[in-house]
């Protein structure tokens, strides 16, 4: 009887073991079929994805390179391009501290155009300025242009005889100290308000207003502006225009600098050397 029971128990154990084995096989088959089916239905992984050993798929890091745009190098203004002491230079600075050298200097390239005797260096730009003004209905006149040492000497002595030297030195240059002697300076007048020629009211004339706004475009500087007498040495002269070339005139305009003394850091003032 005992033997029989042992055989029954043993058979039951075998059946249970076999059942577990069958279940395990079936489960394994199910898992294999499920994985294959899921893989077939899954989209293809992009190239920038990497499957690691732990089956965790990580997106490849895309490093964005910073694009550095180099700004163009703008060369600084070359203040040494032309001399400020050589009398034939368009940048020569002439004032009470800096006379012409030689003091009786005479330009060798004087020409007469549009009624003005000037250096040929200023001819093209002066003619262009005159033509543009005329096209805009502006007709300025020529009051004075080049003056020789002898002419300046005559004018200055006449002023001294009439007004005294102290007063004359505020509005007239001594011979050898005048910008007119360089051939780069023109005293311009009004055709609509001639009574204001060589007078402070010239700035309010049609011609004076136009010149104050546009002369720099053609390389001309309003040389003796308001409130700069302690620097330039002369009272304001809204009719006195000095040729310095378009390059310098534009640079001074952009920097809001109105005198050559301040731009080049050159001494000036009301006292003669």
Protein backbone atom coordinates (compact mmCIF):
# COMPACT_ATOMS: atom_id res chain seq x y z
CA UNK A 1 0.00 0.00 0.00
CA UNK A 2 2.77 2.36 0.93
CA UNK A 3 4.58 1.53 -2.25
CA UNK A 4 1.48 2.27 -4.25
CA UNK A 5 1.08 5.67 -2.61
CA UNK A 6 4.68 6.56 -3.32
CA UNK A 7 4.20 5.70 -6.97
CA UNK A 8 1.09 7.92 -7.16
CA UNK A 9 2.86 10.87 -5.51
CA UNK A 10 5.85 10.47 -7.80
CA UNK A 11 3.61 10.41 -10.87
CA UNK A 12 1.84 13.57 -9.71
CA UNK A 13 5.20 15.34 -9.20
CA UNK A 14 6.29 14.36 -12.69
CA UNK A 15 3.03 15.67 -14.14
CA UNK A 16 3.43 18.97 -12.30
CA UNK A 17 7.04 19.35 -13.46
CA UNK A 18 6.09 18.53 -17.05
CA UNK A 19 3.22 21.04 -16.84
CA UNK A 20 5.62 23.76 -15.64
CA UNK A 21 8.04 22.94 -18.44
CA UNK A 22 5.25 23.14 -21.02
CA UNK A 23 4.06 26.46 -19.59
CA UNK A 24 7.64 27.83 -19.62
CA UNK A 25 8.11 26.76 -23.23
CA UNK A 26 4.83 28.34 -24.23
CA UNK A 27 5.69 31.58 -22.43
CA UNK A 28 9.12 31.68 -24.12
CA UNK A 29 7.55 31.12 -27.52
CA UNK A 30 5.03 33.87 -26.86
CA UNK A 31 7.78 36.32 -25.85
CA UNK A 32 9.84 35.49 -28.94
CA UNK A 33 6.86 35.94 -31.24
CA UNK A 34 5.88 39.22 -29.51
CA UNK A 35 9.39 40.70 -29.78
CA UNK A 36 9.70 39.81 -33.47
CA UNK A 37 6.29 41.23 -34.21
CA UNK A 38 7.01 44.46 -32.29
CA UNK A 39 10.33 44.90 -34.06
CA UNK A 40 8.75 44.42 -37.45
CA UNK A 41 6.10 46.98 -36.69
CA UNK A 42 8.52 49.53 -35.16
CA UNK A 43 9.94 52.31 -37.40
CA UNK A 44 13.61 52.22 -38.38
CA UNK A 45 15.77 54.06 -35.88
CA UNK A 46 17.46 57.19 -37.26
CA UNK A 47 21.22 57.17 -37.65
CA UNK A 48 21.72 59.71 -34.90
CA UNK A 49 20.30 57.28 -32.30
CA UNK A 50 22.57 54.83 -30.52
CA UNK A 51 21.34 51.68 -28.73
CA UNK A 52 23.31 51.00 -25.60
CA UNK A 53 23.87 47.62 -23.98
CA UNK A 54 21.14 48.28 -21.43
CA UNK A 55 18.65 48.69 -24.29
CA UNK A 56 18.24 52.41 -23.46
CA UNK A 57 18.18 54.38 -26.69
CA UNK A 58 19.66 57.84 -26.35
CA UNK A 59 19.52 60.63 -28.88
CA UNK A 60 22.96 61.55 -30.10
CA UNK A 61 23.90 65.00 -28.91
CA UNK A 62 24.02 67.52 -31.69
CA UNK A 63 26.46 70.25 -30.85
CA UNK A 64 25.49 73.50 -32.38
CA UNK A 65 28.57 75.39 -33.43
CA UNK A 66 28.46 79.09 -32.65
CA UNK A 67 28.85 81.09 -35.81
CA UNK A 68 31.16 84.02 -35.17
CA UNK A 69 30.71 86.83 -37.67
CA UNK A 70 33.74 89.05 -37.66
CA UNK A 71 32.95 92.73 -37.96
CA UNK A 72 34.83 94.52 -40.70
CA UNK A 73 37.76 96.53 -39.41
CA UNK A 74 37.14 100.19 -40.12
CA UNK A 75 40.47 102.00 -40.31
CA UNK A 76 40.75 105.05 -38.11
CA UNK A 77 41.02 108.45 -39.74
CA UNK A 78 44.61 109.17 -40.74
CA UNK A 79 45.37 112.64 -39.43
CA UNK A 80 48.87 112.47 -40.85
CA UNK A 81 47.75 111.99 -44.45
CA UNK A 82 48.47 115.63 -45.26
CA UNK A 83 50.70 118.17 -43.57
CA UNK A 84 49.23 120.82 -41.28
CA UNK A 85 52.29 123.06 -41.66
CA UNK A 86 53.21 122.97 -45.36
CA UNK A 87 51.38 125.97 -46.94
CA UNK A 88 50.43 124.07 -50.12
CA UNK A 89 48.68 121.32 -48.12
CA UNK A 90 44.88 121.39 -48.06
CA UNK A 91 45.11 120.67 -44.30
CA UNK A 92 47.50 123.49 -43.44
CA UNK A 93 46.46 125.24 -40.24
CA UNK A 94 46.99 128.99 -40.34
CA UNK A 95 46.16 131.09 -37.29
CA UNK A 96 47.72 133.64 -34.95
CA UNK A 97 50.03 131.00 -33.50
CA UNK A 98 50.92 129.41 -36.83
CA UNK A 99 51.94 131.79 -39.65
CA UNK A 100 52.69 130.62 -43.16
CA UNK A 101 56.25 129.47 -43.79
CA UNK A 102 57.61 131.30 -45.66
CA UNK A 103 55.54 134.23 -44.45
CA UNK A 104 55.34 135.70 -47.97
CA UNK A 105 54.22 132.36 -49.47
CA UNK A 106 52.58 132.47 -52.91
CA UNK A 107 50.75 129.39 -54.32
CA UNK A 108 52.04 128.17 -57.68
CA UNK A 109 48.77 126.54 -58.80
CA UNK A 110 46.29 129.41 -58.70
CA UNK A 111 43.37 129.32 -61.14
CA UNK A 112 40.30 131.49 -61.61
CA UNK A 113 36.91 129.81 -61.88
CA UNK A 114 33.35 130.99 -61.27
CA UNK A 115 34.79 134.39 -60.36
CA UNK A 116 37.11 133.07 -57.64
CA UNK A 117 40.90 132.83 -57.69
CA UNK A 118 41.78 129.70 -55.76
CA UNK A 119 44.21 126.80 -55.63
CA UNK A 120 43.61 124.25 -58.38
CA UNK A 121 43.35 121.66 -55.58
CA UNK A 122 39.95 123.15 -54.70
CA UNK A 123 38.71 123.77 -58.25
CA UNK A 124 36.69 120.62 -58.92
CA UNK A 125 34.85 120.64 -55.60
CA UNK A 126 34.18 124.38 -55.71
CA UNK A 127 32.71 124.14 -59.19
CA UNK A 128 30.60 121.16 -58.11
CA UNK A 129 29.29 123.08 -55.10
CA UNK A 130 28.44 126.10 -57.25
CA UNK A 131 26.65 123.96 -59.84
CA UNK A 132 24.60 122.15 -57.19
CA UNK A 133 23.68 125.43 -55.56
CA UNK A 134 22.55 126.92 -58.86
CA UNK A 135 20.46 123.81 -59.58
CA UNK A 136 18.81 124.36 -56.20
CA UNK A 137 18.08 128.02 -56.95
CA UNK A 138 20.98 129.30 -54.83
CA UNK A 139 23.25 131.89 -56.41
CA UNK A 140 26.05 132.89 -54.05
CA UNK A 141 28.55 135.53 -55.13
CA UNK A 142 32.31 135.85 -54.70
CA UNK A 143 33.31 138.66 -52.34
CA UNK A 144 36.98 137.72 -51.93
CA UNK A 145 39.24 134.75 -52.63
CA UNK A 146 43.03 134.58 -52.94
CA UNK A 147 44.91 137.51 -51.48
CA UNK A 148 48.68 137.92 -51.72
CA UNK A 149 50.91 138.91 -48.84
CA UNK A 150 51.09 142.47 -50.19
CA UNK A 151 47.31 142.74 -50.61
CA UNK A 152 46.73 141.44 -47.09
CA UNK A 153 49.32 143.88 -45.75
CA UNK A 154 47.50 146.78 -47.43
CA UNK A 155 44.07 145.73 -46.12
CA UNK A 156 45.27 145.08 -42.59
CA UNK A 157 47.03 148.44 -42.30
CA UNK A 158 43.90 150.20 -43.55
CA UNK A 159 41.81 148.45 -40.90
CA UNK A 160 44.31 149.40 -38.21
CA UNK A 161 44.22 153.01 -39.34
CA UNK A 162 40.41 153.01 -39.17
CA UNK A 163 39.65 150.81 -36.14
CA UNK A 164 42.93 150.43 -34.25
CA UNK A 165 45.07 147.31 -34.01
CA UNK A 166 43.24 145.65 -31.11
CA UNK A 167 39.87 145.74 -32.89
CA UNK A 168 41.38 144.92 -36.28
CA UNK A 169 43.03 141.78 -34.92
CA UNK A 170 39.61 140.33 -34.10
CA UNK A 171 38.44 140.26 -37.71
CA UNK A 172 41.47 140.75 -39.98
CA UNK A 173 44.61 138.65 -40.19
CA UNK A 174 48.04 140.16 -40.30
CA UNK A 175 49.98 139.53 -43.53
CA UNK A 176 51.49 136.05 -43.48
CA UNK A 177 48.79 134.82 -41.06
CA UNK A 178 45.84 134.88 -43.47
CA UNK A 179 44.12 131.79 -44.88
CA UNK A 180 43.34 133.81 -48.01
CA UNK A 181 47.05 133.75 -48.80
CA UNK A 182 46.92 129.93 -49.19
CA UNK A 183 44.43 130.01 -52.06
CA UNK A 184 42.10 127.68 -50.14
CA UNK A 185 39.70 130.32 -48.81
CA UNK A 186 36.72 132.14 -50.30
CA UNK A 187 34.49 134.82 -48.80
CA UNK A 188 31.05 134.14 -50.27
CA UNK A 189 28.19 136.61 -50.61
CA UNK A 190 24.45 136.73 -51.17
CA UNK A 191 22.72 137.67 -54.40
CA UNK A 192 19.41 138.08 -52.57
CA UNK A 193 20.69 140.00 -49.55
CA UNK A 194 23.86 141.79 -50.59
CA UNK A 195 23.60 144.15 -47.63
CA UNK A 196 24.54 141.20 -45.41
CA UNK A 197 27.78 140.46 -47.24
CA UNK A 198 30.71 140.39 -44.81
CA UNK A 199 28.21 140.80 -41.99
CA UNK A 200 26.87 138.43 -39.34
CA UNK A 201 23.41 138.54 -40.91
CA UNK A 202 24.80 136.59 -43.89
CA UNK A 203 24.08 133.38 -41.98
CA UNK A 204 20.34 134.09 -42.20
CA UNK A 205 20.33 134.70 -45.96
CA UNK A 206 19.22 131.98 -48.35
CA UNK A 207 22.79 131.53 -49.55
CA UNK A 208 24.30 131.56 -46.06
CA UNK A 209 21.81 128.98 -44.82
CA UNK A 210 22.43 126.67 -47.79
CA UNK A 211 26.21 126.93 -47.44
CA UNK A 212 26.11 126.22 -43.70
CA UNK A 213 24.17 123.02 -44.43
CA UNK A 214 25.91 121.77 -47.56
CA UNK A 215 29.42 123.23 -47.91
CA UNK A 216 31.02 120.30 -46.04
CA UNK A 217 29.67 117.93 -48.70
CA UNK A 218 32.10 119.58 -51.13
CA UNK A 219 35.07 119.81 -48.77
CA UNK A 220 34.53 123.35 -47.48
CA UNK A 221 34.62 124.26 -43.80
CA UNK A 222 32.88 127.22 -42.17
CA UNK A 223 36.20 128.25 -40.67
CA UNK A 224 35.17 130.78 -38.03
CA UNK A 225 31.99 129.53 -36.31
CA UNK A 226 30.06 131.17 -33.49
CA UNK A 227 31.55 130.96 -29.98
CA UNK A 228 34.96 129.74 -31.15
CA UNK A 229 36.86 133.03 -31.17
CA UNK A 230 39.04 131.96 -28.24
CA UNK A 231 40.18 128.99 -30.36
CA UNK A 232 40.35 130.33 -33.91
CA UNK A 233 41.38 133.84 -32.90
CA UNK A 234 38.66 135.55 -34.95
CA UNK A 235 35.08 136.60 -34.49
CA UNK A 236 32.41 134.56 -36.27
CA UNK A 237 32.45 134.93 -40.06
CA UNK A 238 29.54 132.99 -41.63
CA UNK A 239 30.80 133.94 -45.10
CA UNK A 240 34.38 132.63 -44.73
CA UNK A 241 34.76 129.11 -46.18
CA UNK A 242 38.02 127.20 -46.21
CA UNK A 243 38.70 124.22 -48.49
CA UNK A 244 39.99 121.16 -46.59
CA UNK A 245 38.81 118.36 -48.90
CA UNK A 246 35.73 116.16 -48.64
CA UNK A 247 37.40 113.48 -46.53
CA UNK A 248 38.31 115.77 -43.65
CA UNK A 249 35.16 117.87 -43.92
CA UNK A 250 32.99 114.75 -43.56
CA UNK A 251 35.06 113.42 -40.66
CA UNK A 252 34.74 116.70 -38.78
CA UNK A 253 31.02 116.78 -39.48
CA UNK A 254 30.55 113.24 -38.18
CA UNK A 255 32.60 113.99 -35.07
CA UNK A 256 30.80 117.32 -34.50
CA UNK A 257 34.11 119.17 -34.45
CA UNK A 258 33.94 122.64 -35.96
CA UNK A 259 37.53 123.93 -35.89
CA UNK A 260 40.82 122.67 -37.31
CA UNK A 261 42.56 123.54 -34.06
CA UNK A 262 40.33 121.18 -32.07
CA UNK A 263 40.43 118.39 -34.64
CA UNK A 264 44.23 118.34 -34.97
CA UNK A 265 44.85 119.44 -31.38
CA UNK A 266 46.82 122.45 -32.59
CA UNK A 267 47.23 125.63 -30.58
CA UNK A 268 45.27 128.71 -31.56
CA UNK A 269 43.85 131.64 -29.68
CA UNK A 270 43.65 135.41 -29.92
CA UNK A 271 47.29 136.25 -29.17
CA UNK A 272 49.81 136.48 -32.00
CA UNK A 273 52.96 134.42 -31.80
